[in-house]
Amino acid sequence: MSLDTLERGASYAEDAGVTFPSAFDGDGEVLSSLGLNNLPYSLLIGC
């Protein structure tokens, strides 16, 4: 699986005007644990 970089993710968030906190899954561990294997993927979690 080809993973994105922190810099590319941060640039995308800035360009999109994201104002909420975000996290970076650099090694793909979270995606893999959810059975996801394609990028890009956004996961929104409500608290």
C-alpha atoms as a PDB file:
ATOM      1  CA  MET A   1       0.000   0.000   0.000  1.00  0.00           C
ATOM      2  CA  SER A   2       1.333   3.436  -0.898  1.00  0.00           C
ATOM      3  CA  LEU A   3       0.918   5.739   2.091  1.00  0.00           C
ATOM      4  CA  ASP A   4       0.591   9.512   2.055  1.00  0.00           C
ATOM      5  CA  THR A   5       3.032  11.799   3.838  1.00  0.00           C
ATOM      6  CA  LEU A   6       2.427  14.107   6.775  1.00  0.00           C
ATOM      7  CA  GLU A   7       3.399  17.087   4.620  1.00  0.00           C
ATOM      8  CA  ARG A   8       0.917  16.208   1.868  1.00  0.00           C
ATOM      9  CA  GLY A   9      -1.853  15.624   4.388  1.00  0.00           C
ATOM     10  CA  ALA A  10      -1.177  18.927   6.143  1.00  0.00           C
ATOM     11  CA  SER A  11      -1.076  20.749   2.809  1.00  0.00           C
ATOM     12  CA  TYR A  12      -4.394  19.201   1.759  1.00  0.00           C
ATOM     13  CA  ALA A  13      -6.015  20.162   5.085  1.00  0.00           C
ATOM     14  CA  GLU A  14      -4.732  23.721   4.789  1.00  0.00           C
ATOM     15  CA  ASP A  15      -5.912  24.056   1.168  1.00  0.00           C
ATOM     16  CA  ALA A  16      -9.327  22.665   2.126  1.00  0.00           C
ATOM     17  CA  GLY A  17      -9.659  25.076   5.055  1.00  0.00           C
ATOM     18  CA  VAL A  18      -9.951  22.310   7.646  1.00  0.00           C
ATOM     19  CA  THR A  19     -10.508  23.842  11.089  1.00  0.00           C
ATOM     20  CA  PHE A  20     -11.028  20.688  13.164  1.00  0.00           C
ATOM     21  CA  PRO A  21      -8.255  18.598  14.757  1.00  0.00           C
ATOM     22  CA  SER A  22      -6.838  15.821  12.616  1.00  0.00           C
ATOM     23  CA  ALA A  23      -4.477  12.893  13.062  1.00  0.00           C
ATOM     24  CA  PHE A  24      -1.931  11.256  10.774  1.00  0.00           C
ATOM     25  CA  ASP A  25      -1.803   7.468  10.336  1.00  0.00           C
ATOM     26  CA  GLY A  26       1.644   7.361   8.731  1.00  0.00           C
ATOM     27  CA  ASP A  27       2.155   3.622   8.903  1.00  0.00           C
ATOM     28  CA  GLY A  28      -1.437   2.770   7.926  1.00  0.00           C
ATOM     29  CA  GLU A  29      -2.100   0.877  11.157  1.00  0.00           C
ATOM     30  CA  VAL A  30      -5.528   2.438  11.745  1.00  0.00           C
ATOM     31  CA  LEU A  31      -6.637   1.918   8.130  1.00  0.00           C
ATOM     32  CA  SER A  32      -5.487  -1.701   8.195  1.00  0.00           C
ATOM     33  CA  SER A  33      -7.272  -2.389  11.484  1.00  0.00           C
ATOM     34  CA  LEU A  34     -10.491  -1.108   9.866  1.00  0.00           C
ATOM     35  CA  GLY A  35      -9.984  -3.296   6.784  1.00  0.00           C
ATOM     36  CA  LEU A  36      -9.324  -0.299   4.510  1.00  0.00           C
ATOM     37  CA  ASN A  37      -6.569  -0.454   1.929  1.00  0.00           C
ATOM     38  CA  ASN A  38      -7.052   2.440  -0.508  1.00  0.00           C
ATOM     39  CA  LEU A  39      -6.011   6.078  -0.331  1.00  0.00           C
ATOM     40  CA  PRO A  40      -7.204   8.718  -0.012  1.00  0.00           C
ATOM     41  CA  TYR A  41      -9.513   7.953   2.869  1.00  0.00           C
ATOM     42  CA  SER A  42     -11.081  10.258   5.436  1.00  0.00           C
ATOM     43  CA  LEU A  43     -12.454   8.970   8.687  1.00  0.00           C
ATOM     44  CA  LEU A  44     -14.578  11.314  10.787  1.00  0.00           C
ATOM     45  CA  ILE A  45     -15.054  10.364  14.420  1.00  0.00           C
ATOM     46  CA  GLY A  46     -17.694  12.065  16.543  1.00  0.00           C
ATOM     47  CA  CYS A  47     -17.138  12.464  20.237  1.00  0.00           C
END
